[in-house]
Protein backbone atom coordinates (compact mmCIF):
# COMPACT_ATOMS: atom_id res chain seq x y z
CA MET A 1 13.29 -34.61 7.44
CA ARG A 2 13.21 -33.15 10.95
CA GLN A 3 12.97 -29.37 11.03
CA PRO A 4 15.51 -27.41 13.09
CA VAL A 5 14.17 -25.70 16.19
CA ARG A 6 14.04 -21.98 15.49
CA LEU A 7 12.94 -19.34 17.97
CA VAL A 8 13.27 -15.66 17.07
CA ARG A 9 13.91 -13.17 19.86
CA MET A 10 13.75 -9.60 18.58
CA HIS A 11 15.59 -7.92 21.49
CA PRO A 12 17.67 -9.18 24.44
CA SER A 13 15.14 -7.67 26.85
CA ASP A 14 12.22 -9.62 25.35
CA ASN A 15 10.63 -12.26 27.57
CA VAL A 16 8.95 -14.01 24.63
CA ALA A 17 10.25 -15.42 21.35
CA VAL A 18 8.46 -16.45 18.17
CA VAL A 19 8.47 -19.99 16.78
CA ALA A 20 9.84 -19.91 13.23
CA THR A 21 9.98 -23.69 12.76
CA ARG A 22 7.82 -25.05 9.94
CA GLY A 23 4.70 -26.62 11.43
CA GLY A 24 5.40 -25.27 14.91
CA LEU A 25 6.85 -27.13 17.91
CA ALA A 26 5.45 -29.99 19.98
CA ALA A 27 4.83 -30.08 23.72
CA GLY A 28 7.93 -31.21 25.57
CA GLN A 29 10.29 -29.88 22.91
CA ALA A 30 13.53 -28.54 24.32
CA VAL A 31 14.33 -25.00 23.11
CA ASP A 32 16.58 -22.12 24.08
CA ASP A 33 19.13 -23.56 26.51
CA GLY A 34 16.99 -26.48 27.56
CA LEU A 35 13.67 -24.67 28.09
CA LEU A 36 10.87 -27.23 27.69
CA LEU A 37 7.64 -26.30 25.96
CA ARG A 38 4.64 -26.85 28.21
CA GLU A 39 2.33 -27.22 25.21
CA ALA A 40 2.43 -27.33 21.43
CA VAL A 41 3.08 -23.89 19.91
CA PRO A 42 2.14 -23.15 16.27
CA GLN A 43 4.54 -21.45 13.88
CA GLY A 44 4.55 -17.69 14.37
CA HIS A 45 3.29 -17.85 17.93
CA LYS A 46 5.09 -16.80 21.08
CA VAL A 47 6.82 -18.82 23.81
CA ALA A 48 7.51 -17.48 27.29
CA LEU A 49 11.28 -17.53 27.83
CA ARG A 50 10.96 -17.04 31.58
CA ARG A 51 8.30 -16.70 34.23
CA ILE A 52 6.12 -13.62 33.62
CA GLU A 53 4.28 -12.46 36.72
CA ALA A 54 0.67 -11.32 36.72
CA GLY A 55 0.56 -7.67 35.68
CA GLU A 56 4.06 -7.78 34.23
CA ALA A 57 4.68 -6.57 30.69
CA VAL A 58 4.94 -9.14 27.93
CA ARG A 59 7.81 -7.74 25.87
CA ARG A 60 8.53 -8.19 22.16
CA TYR A 61 10.70 -5.72 20.17
CA ASP A 62 11.61 -4.47 23.69
CA VAL A 63 8.08 -3.02 23.79
CA PRO A 64 5.21 -4.01 26.10
CA ILE A 65 2.75 -5.70 23.75
CA GLY A 66 0.51 -6.65 26.67
CA TYR A 67 0.28 -7.23 30.41
CA ALA A 68 -0.09 -10.73 31.83
CA LEU A 69 -3.54 -11.41 33.27
CA ALA A 70 -2.10 -14.20 35.42
CA THR A 71 1.31 -15.76 35.93
CA ILE A 72 2.75 -17.23 32.70
CA GLU A 73 5.18 -20.06 33.23
CA PRO A 74 8.40 -20.56 31.20
CA GLY A 75 7.76 -22.59 28.05
CA ALA A 76 4.06 -21.60 27.87
CA TRP A 77 2.31 -20.57 24.68
CA VAL A 78 1.70 -16.81 25.02
CA HIS A 79 -1.39 -15.65 23.16
CA GLU A 80 -3.96 -12.87 23.32
CA GLY A 81 -6.08 -14.65 25.93
CA LEU A 82 -3.28 -14.39 28.48
CA MET A 83 -2.74 -10.63 28.38
CA ARG A 84 -4.36 -7.23 28.44
CA MET A 85 -3.58 -4.85 25.57
CA PRO A 86 -1.77 -1.63 26.55
CA ASP A 87 -3.57 1.68 26.30
CA ALA A 88 -2.83 3.85 23.28
CA ARG A 89 0.12 6.23 23.57
CA ALA A 90 -0.99 9.82 24.11
CA LEU A 91 -0.32 12.08 21.12
CA GLU A 92 1.60 14.61 23.18
CA ASP A 93 5.05 14.98 24.76
CA LEU A 94 6.50 12.95 21.91
CA PRO A 95 10.16 12.96 20.87
CA VAL A 96 10.70 15.06 17.75
CA ALA A 97 13.62 14.67 15.34
CA THR A 98 15.72 12.90 17.96
CA GLN A 99 16.74 9.91 15.83
CA LEU A 100 17.72 11.23 12.42
CA ARG A 101 19.92 8.60 10.85
CA GLU A 102 21.52 9.86 7.68
CA ALA A 103 23.09 7.58 5.07
CA PRO A 104 25.27 8.33 2.06
CA PRO A 105 23.60 8.63 -1.36
CA LEU A 106 23.42 5.51 -3.48
CA GLY A 107 24.41 6.86 -6.88
CA GLY A 108 24.43 5.45 -10.38
CA GLN A 109 20.99 3.85 -10.20
CA GLU A 110 18.58 4.11 -13.13
CA PHE A 111 15.39 2.55 -14.41
CA LEU A 112 13.56 2.64 -17.72
CA GLY A 113 10.35 4.65 -17.56
CA TYR A 114 7.88 6.68 -19.60
CA ARG A 115 8.47 10.41 -19.28
CA ASN A 116 5.33 12.47 -18.72
CA PRO A 117 4.77 16.14 -19.67
CA ASP A 118 4.74 17.15 -15.99
CA GLY A 119 8.17 15.61 -15.39
CA SER A 120 6.94 12.48 -13.63
CA PHE A 121 7.60 8.98 -14.94
CA GLY A 122 5.32 6.04 -15.53
CA THR A 123 6.38 2.46 -15.00
CA ARG A 124 3.52 1.37 -17.25
CA ASN A 125 1.92 2.98 -20.32
CA LEU A 126 -1.81 2.79 -19.57
CA PHE A 127 -4.94 4.51 -20.86
CA ALA A 128 -7.37 5.52 -18.12
CA ILE A 129 -11.11 6.05 -18.29
CA THR A 130 -12.24 7.80 -15.13
CA THR A 131 -15.83 8.20 -14.04
CA THR A 132 -17.79 10.73 -12.04
CA VAL A 133 -20.42 8.35 -10.67
CA GLN A 134 -21.05 4.65 -10.13
CA CYS A 135 -24.06 4.78 -12.47
CA VAL A 136 -21.78 4.67 -15.53
CA ALA A 137 -19.58 1.79 -14.36
CA GLY A 138 -21.37 -0.91 -16.37
CA VAL A 139 -21.20 1.06 -19.61
CA VAL A 140 -17.53 1.91 -19.05
CA ALA A 141 -16.66 -1.72 -18.32
CA GLN A 142 -18.13 -2.83 -21.65
CA ALA A 143 -16.54 0.08 -23.51
CA ALA A 144 -13.14 -0.77 -22.02
CA GLU A 145 -13.53 -4.36 -23.16
CA ARG A 146 -14.35 -3.18 -26.69
CA ILE A 147 -11.28 -0.93 -26.65
CA ARG A 148 -9.10 -3.86 -25.59
CA ARG A 149 -10.56 -6.11 -28.25
CA GLU A 150 -10.89 -3.70 -31.17
CA LEU A 151 -8.26 -0.99 -30.68
CA LEU A 152 -5.37 -2.24 -28.56
CA PRO A 153 -4.09 -4.70 -31.21
CA ARG A 154 -3.35 -1.64 -33.36
CA PHE A 155 -1.38 0.04 -30.54
CA PRO A 156 1.10 -2.56 -29.26
CA HIS A 157 3.05 -0.12 -27.08
CA VAL A 158 0.01 0.60 -24.89
CA ASP A 159 0.00 -1.72 -21.88
CA GLY A 160 -3.72 -1.68 -21.23
CA VAL A 161 -6.93 0.16 -20.39
CA VAL A 162 -7.92 0.94 -16.82
CA ALA A 163 -11.46 1.88 -15.84
CA ILE A 164 -11.39 4.05 -12.71
CA ASP A 165 -14.81 3.13 -11.38
CA HIS A 166 -15.99 3.60 -7.82
CA ALA A 167 -19.02 3.67 -5.52
CA TYR A 168 -19.30 7.44 -5.31
CA GLY A 169 -20.57 10.53 -7.12
CA CYS A 170 -24.23 10.77 -6.14
CA GLY A 171 -26.42 10.14 -3.11
CA VAL A 172 -23.63 11.60 -0.98
CA ALA A 173 -23.14 14.75 1.08
CA ILE A 174 -20.98 16.30 -1.60
CA ASP A 175 -20.38 19.54 0.34
CA ALA A 176 -19.56 17.93 3.69
CA PRO A 177 -16.04 18.81 4.91
CA ASP A 178 -14.80 15.22 4.70
CA ALA A 179 -16.06 14.85 1.12
CA GLN A 180 -12.76 16.38 0.04
CA VAL A 181 -11.14 12.99 0.71
CA PRO A 182 -12.94 10.89 -1.93
CA ILE A 183 -13.10 13.77 -4.42
CA ARG A 184 -9.38 14.53 -4.33
CA THR A 185 -8.65 10.80 -4.38
CA LEU A 186 -10.57 10.41 -7.65
CA ARG A 187 -8.99 13.56 -9.08
CA ASN A 188 -5.49 12.38 -8.24
CA LEU A 189 -6.07 8.82 -9.40
CA ALA A 190 -6.65 10.25 -12.89
CA ARG A 191 -3.27 12.00 -12.56
CA ASN A 192 -1.32 8.85 -11.66
CA PRO A 193 1.96 8.87 -13.63
CA ASN A 194 1.23 5.47 -15.16
CA PHE A 195 -1.59 7.11 -17.19
CA GLY A 196 0.69 9.62 -18.91
CA GLY A 197 -1.88 12.42 -18.82
CA GLU A 198 -4.14 10.60 -21.30
CA VAL A 199 -7.44 10.43 -19.45
CA MET A 200 -11.06 10.25 -20.56
CA VAL A 201 -13.92 11.17 -18.24
CA VAL A 202 -17.28 9.44 -18.54
CA SER A 203 -20.13 11.26 -16.80
CA LEU A 204 -23.81 10.44 -16.52
CA GLY A 205 -24.89 14.09 -16.51
CA CYS A 206 -27.14 14.56 -13.49
CA GLU A 207 -24.80 13.40 -10.70
CA LYS A 208 -23.60 15.54 -7.81
CA LEU A 209 -19.94 15.07 -8.68
CA GLN A 210 -19.95 17.00 -11.94
CA PRO A 211 -16.88 16.68 -14.22
CA GLU A 212 -15.90 20.30 -13.61
CA ARG A 213 -15.81 19.60 -9.88
CA LEU A 214 -13.90 16.37 -10.25
CA LEU A 215 -11.31 17.94 -12.56
CA PRO A 216 -11.41 21.72 -12.19
CA PRO A 217 -9.40 23.96 -14.50
CA GLY A 218 -5.70 23.33 -14.12
CA SER A 219 -5.95 19.79 -12.74
CA ILE A 220 -6.12 18.21 -16.20
CA ALA A 221 -7.23 20.15 -19.25
CA LEU A 222 -10.92 19.36 -19.73
CA ARG A 223 -12.51 19.38 -23.16
CA ASP A 224 -15.98 18.32 -24.11
CA GLU A 225 -16.18 15.87 -27.02
CA ARG A 226 -18.65 18.23 -28.71
CA GLN A 227 -16.28 21.19 -28.52
CA ALA A 228 -12.95 19.77 -29.68
CA ARG A 229 -12.38 16.90 -32.07
CA ASP A 230 -8.96 17.86 -33.41
CA GLU A 231 -6.69 14.89 -32.73
CA GLN A 232 -3.65 17.17 -32.83
CA ALA A 233 -4.94 19.26 -29.94
CA HIS A 234 -3.33 17.34 -27.09
CA ASP A 235 -4.96 18.56 -23.93
CA GLY A 236 -4.97 15.14 -22.33
CA LEU A 237 -8.66 14.51 -21.73
CA HIS A 238 -12.05 13.85 -23.34
CA LEU A 239 -15.44 14.14 -21.66
CA VAL A 240 -18.32 11.85 -22.65
CA ARG A 241 -21.73 12.49 -21.02
CA LEU A 242 -24.02 9.48 -21.35
CA GLN A 243 -27.20 11.58 -21.05
CA ASP A 244 -26.13 13.68 -24.04
CA PRO A 245 -28.94 13.46 -26.68
CA ALA A 246 -26.30 12.84 -29.33
CA HIS A 247 -25.84 9.28 -28.08
CA GLY A 248 -28.34 6.87 -29.61
CA GLY A 249 -28.98 4.47 -26.76
CA PHE A 250 -26.53 2.06 -25.23
CA SER A 251 -24.74 1.28 -28.48
CA GLY A 252 -24.31 5.01 -29.13
CA MET A 253 -22.73 5.47 -25.72
CA LEU A 254 -20.24 2.67 -26.41
CA ASP A 255 -19.45 4.05 -29.85
CA ALA A 256 -18.74 7.52 -28.41
CA ILE A 257 -16.38 6.19 -25.75
CA VAL A 258 -14.51 3.94 -28.18
CA ALA A 259 -14.16 6.73 -30.75
CA ALA A 260 -12.89 9.17 -28.14
CA ALA A 261 -10.30 6.65 -26.96
CA GLU A 262 -8.47 6.31 -30.28
CA PRO A 263 -6.49 9.59 -30.33
CA HIS A 264 -5.34 8.99 -26.77
CA LEU A 265 -4.17 5.49 -27.65
CA ARG A 266 -2.31 6.83 -30.68
CA ARG A 267 -0.36 9.31 -28.56
CA LEU A 268 0.39 6.73 -25.87
CA ASP A 269 1.57 4.26 -28.49
CA ALA A 270 4.21 6.71 -29.68
CA ARG A 271 5.89 6.72 -26.27
CA ARG A 272 8.97 4.61 -25.45
CA ARG A 273 10.82 3.83 -22.27
CA GLU A 274 13.92 5.90 -21.56
CA ALA A 275 16.65 5.79 -18.94
CA ALA A 276 15.76 7.84 -15.89
CA ALA A 277 17.18 8.49 -12.45
CA LEU A 278 15.49 6.66 -9.59
CA SER A 279 14.02 10.01 -8.54
CA GLY A 280 11.27 9.08 -11.02
CA LEU A 281 10.17 6.16 -8.85
CA VAL A 282 7.38 6.48 -6.29
CA VAL A 283 7.15 3.20 -4.39
CA GLY A 284 4.21 2.45 -2.11
CA VAL A 285 4.73 -0.16 0.62
CA GLN A 286 1.98 -2.03 2.43
CA CYS A 287 1.36 -5.27 4.32
CA GLY A 288 -1.74 -7.44 4.38
CA GLY A 289 -2.63 -10.84 5.76
CA SER A 290 0.15 -10.21 8.27
CA ASP A 291 1.52 -12.70 10.76
CA ALA A 292 4.07 -12.63 13.57
CA LEU A 293 6.86 -13.33 11.07
CA SER A 294 6.02 -10.15 9.11
CA GLY A 295 8.14 -8.15 11.53
CA VAL A 296 10.92 -10.77 11.42
CA THR A 297 11.43 -11.36 7.69
CA ALA A 298 9.48 -9.53 4.97
CA ASN A 299 9.02 -6.14 6.60
CA PRO A 300 12.62 -5.72 7.80
CA ALA A 301 13.85 -6.80 4.34
CA LEU A 302 11.51 -4.29 2.74
CA GLY A 303 12.75 -1.65 5.19
CA HIS A 304 16.30 -2.33 3.99
CA ALA A 305 15.13 -1.92 0.38
CA VAL A 306 13.31 1.32 1.35
CA ASP A 307 16.52 2.76 2.76
CA MET A 308 18.31 1.86 -0.50
CA LEU A 309 15.55 3.44 -2.60
CA VAL A 310 15.57 6.70 -0.64
CA ARG A 311 19.37 6.85 -0.75
CA ALA A 312 19.14 6.38 -4.54
CA GLY A 313 16.76 9.35 -4.86
CA ALA A 314 13.42 7.53 -5.07
CA THR A 315 10.30 8.47 -3.12
CA VAL A 316 8.72 5.89 -0.82
CA LEU A 317 5.27 6.07 0.75
CA PHE A 318 4.36 4.06 3.85
CA SER A 319 0.88 4.21 5.32
CA GLU A 320 -1.72 2.35 7.42
CA VAL A 321 -2.60 4.69 10.29
CA THR A 322 -3.79 2.07 12.79
CA GLU A 323 -0.70 -0.03 12.10
CA VAL A 324 1.69 2.76 13.06
CA ARG A 325 -0.44 4.40 15.78
CA ASP A 326 1.16 2.44 18.62
CA GLY A 327 4.64 3.30 17.37
CA VAL A 328 4.00 7.03 17.04
CA ALA A 329 6.98 7.91 19.22
CA LEU A 330 9.25 5.92 16.93
CA LEU A 331 7.97 7.94 13.97
CA THR A 332 8.06 11.44 15.45
CA ALA A 333 11.63 10.74 16.56
CA ARG A 334 12.44 10.18 12.87
CA ALA A 335 10.51 13.23 11.64
CA ARG A 336 12.77 15.52 9.63
CA ASP A 337 11.59 18.53 11.63
CA ALA A 338 8.88 19.75 14.00
CA GLU A 339 6.45 20.52 11.16
CA VAL A 340 6.63 16.96 9.80
CA ALA A 341 6.03 15.62 13.32
CA ARG A 342 3.09 18.00 13.81
CA ARG A 343 1.46 16.88 10.55
CA LEU A 344 1.97 13.22 11.37
CA VAL A 345 0.39 13.61 14.81
CA ALA A 346 -2.49 15.59 13.29
CA GLU A 347 -3.29 12.77 10.87
CA LEU A 348 -3.23 10.16 13.65
CA ASP A 349 -5.37 12.36 15.89
CA TRP A 350 -7.92 12.88 13.09
CA TYR A 351 -8.14 9.13 12.62
CA ASP A 352 -8.56 8.51 16.35
CA ALA A 353 -11.58 10.84 16.23
CA TYR A 354 -12.89 9.12 13.10
CA LEU A 355 -12.79 5.73 14.85
CA ARG A 356 -14.50 7.13 17.95
CA ARG A 357 -17.34 8.48 15.80
CA GLY A 358 -17.85 4.95 14.54
CA GLY A 359 -17.80 3.44 18.02
CA ALA A 360 -14.48 1.66 17.40
CA ASP A 361 -10.83 1.98 18.28
CA ARG A 362 -7.51 0.73 16.96
CA SER A 363 -8.07 -2.76 18.40
CA ALA A 364 -10.63 -3.44 15.65
CA ASN A 365 -7.75 -3.65 13.15
CA THR A 366 -6.46 -7.16 13.85
CA THR A 367 -8.16 -9.92 11.85
CA PRO A 368 -8.76 -13.60 12.66
CA GLY A 369 -5.96 -14.41 10.22
CA ASN A 370 -3.56 -12.04 11.99
CA LYS A 371 -4.27 -13.80 15.28
CA ALA A 372 -4.00 -17.26 13.73
CA GLY A 373 -0.60 -16.14 12.46
CA GLY A 374 0.56 -15.27 15.98
CA LEU A 375 -0.22 -11.54 16.26
CA SER A 376 -1.91 -11.08 19.62
CA ASN A 377 -3.08 -7.49 19.17
CA ILE A 378 -2.57 -4.26 17.25
CA VAL A 379 0.41 -3.21 19.41
CA GLU A 380 2.41 -6.27 18.39
CA LYS A 381 1.21 -5.87 14.79
CA ALA A 382 2.23 -2.21 14.70
CA MET A 383 5.78 -2.93 15.87
CA GLY A 384 6.24 -5.38 12.99
CA SER A 385 4.53 -3.11 10.48
CA ILE A 386 6.59 0.04 11.10
CA VAL A 387 9.90 -1.62 10.24
CA LYS A 388 9.01 -1.71 6.55
CA SER A 389 9.49 2.08 6.53
CA GLY A 390 13.22 1.60 7.02
CA THR A 391 15.39 3.71 9.28
CA LEU A 392 15.88 7.05 7.51
CA PRO A 393 14.22 10.40 8.37
CA ILE A 394 10.57 10.96 7.44
CA ASP A 395 10.58 13.89 5.04
CA PHE A 396 6.88 14.69 4.56
CA VAL A 397 3.30 13.72 5.37
CA LEU A 398 0.33 13.44 2.99
CA GLY A 399 -3.33 13.40 3.96
CA PRO A 400 -5.61 10.68 2.52
CA GLY A 401 -5.63 10.97 -1.27
CA GLU A 402 -3.26 13.96 -1.42
CA LYS A 403 -0.85 13.99 -4.34
CA LEU A 404 2.87 14.49 -4.06
CA ALA A 405 3.82 18.10 -4.66
CA PRO A 406 6.31 18.87 -7.45
CA GLY A 407 9.80 18.13 -6.20
CA GLN A 408 8.56 16.39 -3.05
CA ARG A 409 10.84 13.40 -2.55
CA GLY A 410 12.24 11.07 0.07
CA LEU A 411 10.39 9.01 2.67
CA GLY A 412 6.81 10.07 3.28
CA PHE A 413 3.92 8.97 5.47
CA ALA A 414 0.76 8.87 3.36
CA ALA A 415 -2.07 8.67 5.89
CA THR A 416 -4.49 5.91 4.90
CA PRO A 417 -6.67 3.31 6.57
CA ALA A 418 -4.98 -0.08 6.89
CA SER A 419 -7.52 -1.81 4.62
CA ASP A 420 -5.52 -3.28 1.73
CA PHE A 421 -7.83 -2.03 -1.00
CA VAL A 422 -8.31 1.45 0.43
CA CYS A 423 -4.61 1.89 1.20
CA GLY A 424 -3.57 0.84 -2.31
CA THR A 425 -6.14 3.17 -3.86
CA LEU A 426 -4.96 6.15 -1.81
CA GLN A 427 -1.29 5.47 -2.47
CA ALA A 428 -2.04 5.32 -6.21
CA ALA A 429 -3.77 8.70 -5.89
CA SER A 430 -0.66 10.08 -4.18
CA GLY A 431 1.42 9.18 -7.23
CA MET A 432 2.69 5.65 -6.56
CA ASN A 433 3.97 3.92 -9.70
CA VAL A 434 5.24 0.66 -8.09
CA HIS A 435 3.66 -1.18 -5.15
CA VAL A 436 5.32 -3.65 -2.75
CA PHE A 437 3.01 -5.79 -0.63
CA THR A 438 4.20 -8.12 2.14
CA THR A 439 2.01 -10.97 3.38
CA GLY A 440 2.21 -13.87 5.80
CA ARG A 441 -1.20 -15.49 5.45
CA GLY A 442 -1.38 -14.84 1.69
CA THR A 443 -3.59 -12.75 -0.59
CA PRO A 444 -3.96 -12.54 -4.40
CA TYR A 445 -4.24 -8.73 -4.11
CA GLY A 446 -3.32 -6.67 -7.17
CA LEU A 447 -3.94 -3.29 -8.81
CA ALA A 448 -4.72 -2.55 -12.46
CA ALA A 449 -3.01 0.84 -12.44
CA VAL A 450 0.23 -0.11 -10.68
CA PRO A 451 2.35 -3.29 -10.72
CA VAL A 452 2.29 -5.05 -7.33
CA ILE A 453 5.27 -7.07 -6.05
CA LYS A 454 4.22 -9.69 -3.49
CA VAL A 455 6.66 -10.68 -0.71
CA SER A 456 5.99 -13.65 1.59
CA THR A 457 7.01 -13.74 5.24
CA ARG A 458 7.18 -17.56 5.22
CA SER A 459 8.75 -19.95 2.73
CA GLU A 460 5.75 -22.24 3.23
CA LEU A 461 3.53 -19.62 1.61
CA ALA A 462 5.96 -19.13 -1.27
CA GLU A 463 5.94 -22.89 -1.84
CA GLN A 464 2.15 -23.09 -1.59
CA TRP A 465 1.69 -20.14 -3.99
CA PRO A 466 4.71 -20.27 -6.32
CA ASP A 467 2.79 -18.41 -9.03
CA LEU A 468 1.60 -15.58 -6.76
CA ILE A 469 4.62 -14.77 -4.57
CA ASP A 470 7.44 -12.82 -6.22
CA VAL A 471 10.03 -12.74 -3.41
CA ASP A 472 10.35 -15.25 -0.55
CA ALA A 473 11.55 -13.51 2.61
CA GLY A 474 10.99 -16.68 4.62
CA ARG A 475 14.55 -17.64 3.79
CA ILE A 476 15.57 -15.20 6.53
CA ALA A 477 13.77 -17.25 9.19
CA ARG A 478 15.45 -20.39 7.81
CA ALA A 479 18.85 -18.67 8.14
CA GLU A 480 19.48 -19.10 4.41
CA ARG A 481 19.57 -15.36 3.66
CA SER A 482 20.15 -12.24 5.73
CA ILE A 483 17.75 -9.30 5.95
CA ALA A 484 20.20 -7.23 3.91
CA GLU A 485 20.51 -9.89 1.20
CA VAL A 486 16.74 -10.18 0.73
CA GLY A 487 16.44 -6.39 0.90
CA GLU A 488 18.98 -6.01 -1.90
CA GLU A 489 17.16 -8.66 -3.94
CA LEU A 490 13.91 -6.79 -3.42
CA PHE A 491 15.51 -3.49 -4.45
CA ALA A 492 16.71 -5.09 -7.71
CA CYS A 493 13.23 -6.59 -8.25
CA ILE A 494 11.58 -3.16 -7.82
CA VAL A 495 13.90 -1.60 -10.40
CA ASP A 496 13.32 -4.49 -12.85
CA VAL A 497 9.54 -4.30 -12.44
CA ALA A 498 9.58 -0.52 -12.83
CA SER A 499 11.64 -0.88 -16.02
CA GLY A 500 9.31 -3.46 -17.56
CA ARG A 501 11.96 -6.18 -17.49
CA ARG A 502 9.91 -8.21 -15.04
CA ARG A 503 6.19 -8.58 -14.52
CA PRO A 504 5.08 -9.60 -11.03
CA TRP A 505 2.66 -12.50 -10.76
CA ALA A 506 -0.43 -10.40 -10.02
CA GLU A 507 0.21 -8.47 -13.23
CA ARG A 508 0.81 -11.61 -15.26
CA TRP A 509 -2.50 -13.09 -14.11
CA ASN A 510 -4.38 -9.77 -14.43
CA LEU A 511 -5.39 -9.99 -10.77
CA HIS A 512 -6.91 -6.60 -9.99
CA ASN A 513 -8.81 -5.61 -6.88
CA ALA A 514 -11.39 -2.86 -7.20
CA LEU A 515 -10.31 0.68 -6.43
CA THR A 516 -11.90 1.45 -3.07
CA LEU A 517 -12.41 5.04 -1.99
CA PHE A 518 -12.14 6.21 1.61
CA ASN A 519 -15.29 8.24 2.21
CA PRO A 520 -15.61 9.48 5.80
CA ALA A 521 -18.40 11.90 4.80
CA PRO A 522 -22.13 11.08 5.17
CA ILE A 523 -24.16 9.26 2.53
CA THR A 524 -27.56 10.86 2.03
């Protein structure tokens, strides 16, 4: 069956359009009022709609995504080799709070969650074993497997065991200023609402990141297994030190961890879901394996869902510093006030300096897959990435690994690198309890601590991976669904996943990427 010719032009001022037709278009194909393609153009790639002179801006989203290196004729395939990337926007003289679109509340929305003692809600009922150093990861992995095999059958209302392991804790400059980033990330991961305050810490004993530094008084009540064994004393946390002489070798270490887990599992097993306002939801949004259709289908649909979530009282976190850097003016214009704008700019400025120290800049972000999917550079990628944040005011900004403050709600920018694994880890540390991940090229990404909903930009990917993609936004490009319709479907999916009525594919298959810390501090 012949595919209809579909070109997507994002703005009337654009001089390029994106091919949405399955399989791309052939040379000589007539498109857009009789324009003939000079060469074959793959799906997701750009076509020149008119003659673009040398030095003239190539415009998509009504934004210069590049400047033509030579004259580009109408009907030509426009790719990165034909243009120069624009310079980064200066982080000064930016509009502040000039585009504050308000929308009426969306009332009457609830989900079923697990109420925590601090007032937060979990979407899953998980037991966490956190660690102070990579040295203990192997022991913890085997202990967690024993807990799953020997104990979980007795506690059917516990959803699972999560080992918070990481490549940190020793051999690092623990007192360097930037060491606060990985340390607070680990601390706040243990406080994720899906763990319900039931956390065990496994320490080696001699590491730099001592348990008292990881979880100081007041973060989570810390008790040593040798000092408190009363199962009724619910302080939320056990500490097991592997170098403790009380443990008789490897088997003794495993026995200690498994024994310490049981009272936590018993308390978790007594919990049940209850109806809660959507203010208990903290939804992290991210894109990975992006293509040129990300900004046409999945991300705009997610942006519609984000607006609905915020209107319903939920909190939404968007991130990925390098993928919003070129749209900074769009973000500061949506900042709730001057302080939010100042904090946002400060985070972007810090990251600019971080990249310079490493001899890189924002252009290093785009991957071979991004370019194969039609994204010429980070400017074009950023314009398509930002739209998943919706249209409402930005209420707050979090630094990497910072946790939401009590009562902090609305739309927030959580500053993270764009790396899928690092971004997901940092959003989980900030308090995310549901994750939405859009993708054009495809990835089996998942998190053990938080359910991940996967949204495809193309129907071809959803058909290729029917047991990995949860929502197909490619129907927008095929003119079968509108952005609003897919956004509303995604909103309903988020609520169902949060309530435990639906399990996304990554969760069903137990596909879990490793938690990956962002450590800008030196390693010694």
